[in-house]
Amino acid sequence: MGGGGRRLLRFAAAEADIVSVLPASAGEGGLRATHLTLSSLRDKVAHLREAAGARAADLEINIMVFDVVITTDRRAAATAYLDELEDRLGFVTVDGQMTVDDLLDSPYLAFGTGEQIAEHLVRVREETGASYFGVFTHLMDALESVLSRLARR
């Protein structure tokens, strides 16, 4: 089961074995850009685990990686991406202030070299307790260098 609203996460905590934690839906449609942040995900996972009670340790948590940008200049890539966020991710609605640092820390986006992205995903997993990441098939070529680095860890 997947979602990002508090009610749906409470329901998933009680009923699902695997929960894909996503940004919450925006009232005007799409997913809230302000929920792309790592702090938002940490809050959602804490809410999910609290609602799950005794089931919390058995839940598998999935995080979907929406996009990957292979680059040697993470900050420049994220700066350009922020200016094009709604165009790059057509299912996202900019619903508030987002910063370059929000994008660089986002568990749903990955910027950098293969090594930097691997380190980022490991850090996100450690901070959130995520069981695994899901990726769209069109991102597999971009993630090839990341996957080989993760396999060595």
Protein backbone atom coordinates (compact mmCIF):
# COMPACT_ATOMS: atom_id res chain seq x y z
CA MET A 1 0.00 0.00 0.00
CA GLY A 2 1.34 3.44 -0.77
CA GLY A 3 0.55 6.99 0.21
CA GLY A 4 1.63 10.01 2.12
CA GLY A 5 -1.35 11.33 4.06
CA ARG A 6 -1.64 10.68 7.78
CA ARG A 7 -4.96 8.78 7.50
CA LEU A 8 -3.69 6.50 4.78
CA LEU A 9 -0.47 5.83 6.68
CA ARG A 10 -2.49 4.92 9.80
CA PHE A 11 -4.58 2.53 7.71
CA ALA A 12 -1.44 1.05 6.11
CA ALA A 13 0.12 0.64 9.56
CA ALA A 14 -2.81 -1.52 10.60
CA GLU A 15 -3.35 -3.48 7.38
CA ALA A 16 -0.30 -3.60 5.09
CA ASP A 17 2.91 -5.57 5.24
CA ILE A 18 4.72 -3.29 2.78
CA VAL A 19 4.18 0.48 2.77
CA SER A 20 5.43 2.79 0.06
CA VAL A 21 5.78 6.16 1.78
CA LEU A 22 5.10 8.95 -0.71
CA PRO A 23 4.63 12.70 -0.66
CA ALA A 24 1.05 13.61 0.28
CA SER A 25 -1.43 14.65 -2.39
CA ALA A 26 -1.99 18.34 -3.00
CA GLY A 27 -5.55 19.65 -2.92
CA GLU A 28 -5.14 20.97 -6.46
CA GLY A 29 -3.79 17.65 -7.71
CA GLY A 30 -0.41 16.00 -7.87
CA LEU A 31 1.95 15.29 -5.02
CA ARG A 32 3.12 18.08 -2.70
CA ALA A 33 6.63 19.25 -3.53
CA THR A 34 7.17 20.26 0.09
CA HIS A 35 6.76 16.58 1.00
CA LEU A 36 9.75 15.58 -1.13
CA THR A 37 12.01 16.44 1.79
CA LEU A 38 13.87 14.02 4.00
CA SER A 39 12.39 15.63 7.12
CA SER A 40 8.89 15.02 5.77
CA LEU A 41 9.71 11.37 5.13
CA ARG A 42 11.22 10.95 8.62
CA ASP A 43 8.00 12.39 10.13
CA LYS A 44 5.82 10.06 8.04
CA VAL A 45 7.86 6.99 8.95
CA ALA A 46 7.69 7.91 12.65
CA HIS A 47 3.90 8.35 12.37
CA LEU A 48 3.63 5.03 10.50
CA ARG A 49 5.67 3.13 13.08
CA GLU A 50 3.81 4.72 16.00
CA ALA A 51 0.47 3.82 14.44
CA ALA A 52 1.68 0.27 13.75
CA GLY A 53 2.49 -0.35 17.40
CA ALA A 54 3.59 -3.96 17.87
CA ARG A 55 3.58 -4.46 14.08
CA ALA A 56 6.16 -1.70 13.49
CA ALA A 57 9.20 -3.97 13.39
CA ASP A 58 7.56 -6.21 10.77
CA LEU A 59 6.66 -3.44 8.31
CA GLU A 60 8.66 -3.15 5.11
CA ILE A 61 9.05 0.48 4.03
CA ASN A 62 9.55 1.29 0.38
CA ILE A 63 10.74 4.62 -0.99
CA MET A 64 10.26 5.36 -4.69
CA VAL A 65 13.10 7.24 -6.40
CA PHE A 66 11.39 9.56 -8.88
CA ASP A 67 14.43 10.87 -10.73
CA VAL A 68 18.20 10.58 -10.94
CA VAL A 69 20.65 13.17 -12.28
CA ILE A 70 24.19 11.90 -12.81
CA THR A 71 26.53 14.86 -12.48
CA THR A 72 29.83 15.95 -10.99
CA ASP A 73 28.22 19.16 -9.68
CA ARG A 74 25.29 18.19 -7.44
CA ARG A 75 24.47 21.73 -6.35
CA ALA A 76 24.35 23.14 -9.89
CA ALA A 77 22.20 20.23 -11.06
CA ALA A 78 19.78 20.63 -8.14
CA THR A 79 19.61 24.41 -8.70
CA ALA A 80 18.61 23.88 -12.33
CA TYR A 81 16.19 21.12 -11.32
CA LEU A 82 14.47 23.36 -8.77
CA ASP A 83 13.71 25.92 -11.47
CA GLU A 84 12.10 23.16 -13.57
CA LEU A 85 10.57 21.04 -10.81
CA GLU A 86 6.98 20.93 -12.08
CA ASP A 87 8.17 20.36 -15.65
CA ARG A 88 10.61 17.61 -14.65
CA LEU A 89 8.13 15.87 -12.35
CA GLY A 90 4.74 16.47 -13.93
CA PHE A 91 2.98 14.74 -11.03
CA VAL A 92 4.36 17.23 -8.45
CA THR A 93 2.67 20.47 -7.44
CA VAL A 94 4.87 23.19 -5.96
CA ASP A 95 2.90 24.01 -2.82
CA GLY A 96 5.43 26.09 -0.90
CA GLN A 97 9.03 27.14 -0.59
CA MET A 98 11.60 24.57 -1.69
CA THR A 99 15.35 25.03 -1.54
CA VAL A 100 18.26 23.46 -3.36
CA ASP A 101 19.24 21.76 -0.10
CA ASP A 102 15.72 20.26 0.13
CA LEU A 103 16.25 18.66 -3.27
CA LEU A 104 19.77 17.48 -2.48
CA ASP A 105 18.50 15.80 0.70
CA SER A 106 15.32 14.42 -0.87
CA PRO A 107 14.92 10.66 -0.58
CA TYR A 108 12.89 10.74 -3.81
CA LEU A 109 15.57 12.40 -5.97
CA ALA A 110 19.24 11.64 -6.48
CA PHE A 111 21.93 14.02 -7.72
CA GLY A 112 25.63 13.40 -8.14
CA THR A 113 28.20 10.85 -9.14
CA GLY A 114 27.49 7.17 -8.67
CA GLU A 115 29.41 7.23 -5.39
CA GLN A 116 27.58 10.33 -4.09
CA ILE A 117 24.18 8.86 -4.93
CA ALA A 118 25.08 5.53 -3.30
CA GLU A 119 26.14 7.38 -0.14
CA HIS A 120 22.92 9.42 -0.24
CA LEU A 121 20.70 6.34 -0.52
CA VAL A 122 22.55 4.57 2.30
CA ARG A 123 22.14 7.66 4.52
CA VAL A 124 18.42 7.91 3.71
CA ARG A 125 17.98 4.24 4.52
CA GLU A 126 19.83 4.61 7.82
CA GLU A 127 17.85 7.69 8.84
CA THR A 128 14.42 6.34 7.90
CA GLY A 129 14.71 2.59 8.36
CA ALA A 130 13.58 2.05 4.78
CA SER A 131 13.68 -1.57 3.68
CA TYR A 132 14.38 -0.78 0.04
CA PHE A 133 14.07 1.72 -2.79
CA GLY A 134 11.91 1.33 -5.85
CA VAL A 135 12.96 2.86 -9.15
CA PHE A 136 11.26 3.37 -12.48
CA THR A 137 12.68 1.21 -15.28
CA HIS A 138 13.69 4.26 -17.32
CA LEU A 139 16.16 5.17 -14.54
CA MET A 140 17.99 1.84 -14.53
CA ASP A 141 20.73 2.91 -16.97
CA ALA A 142 21.44 6.03 -14.90
CA LEU A 143 21.59 3.95 -11.72
CA GLU A 144 23.96 1.30 -13.08
CA SER A 145 27.02 2.88 -11.47
CA VAL A 146 25.09 3.41 -8.22
CA LEU A 147 23.92 -0.21 -8.02
CA SER A 148 27.43 -1.57 -8.51
CA ARG A 149 28.65 0.60 -5.62
CA LEU A 150 25.76 -0.43 -3.38
CA ALA A 151 26.41 -4.10 -4.12
CA ARG A 152 29.95 -3.71 -2.72
CA ARG A 153 28.70 -2.34 0.62
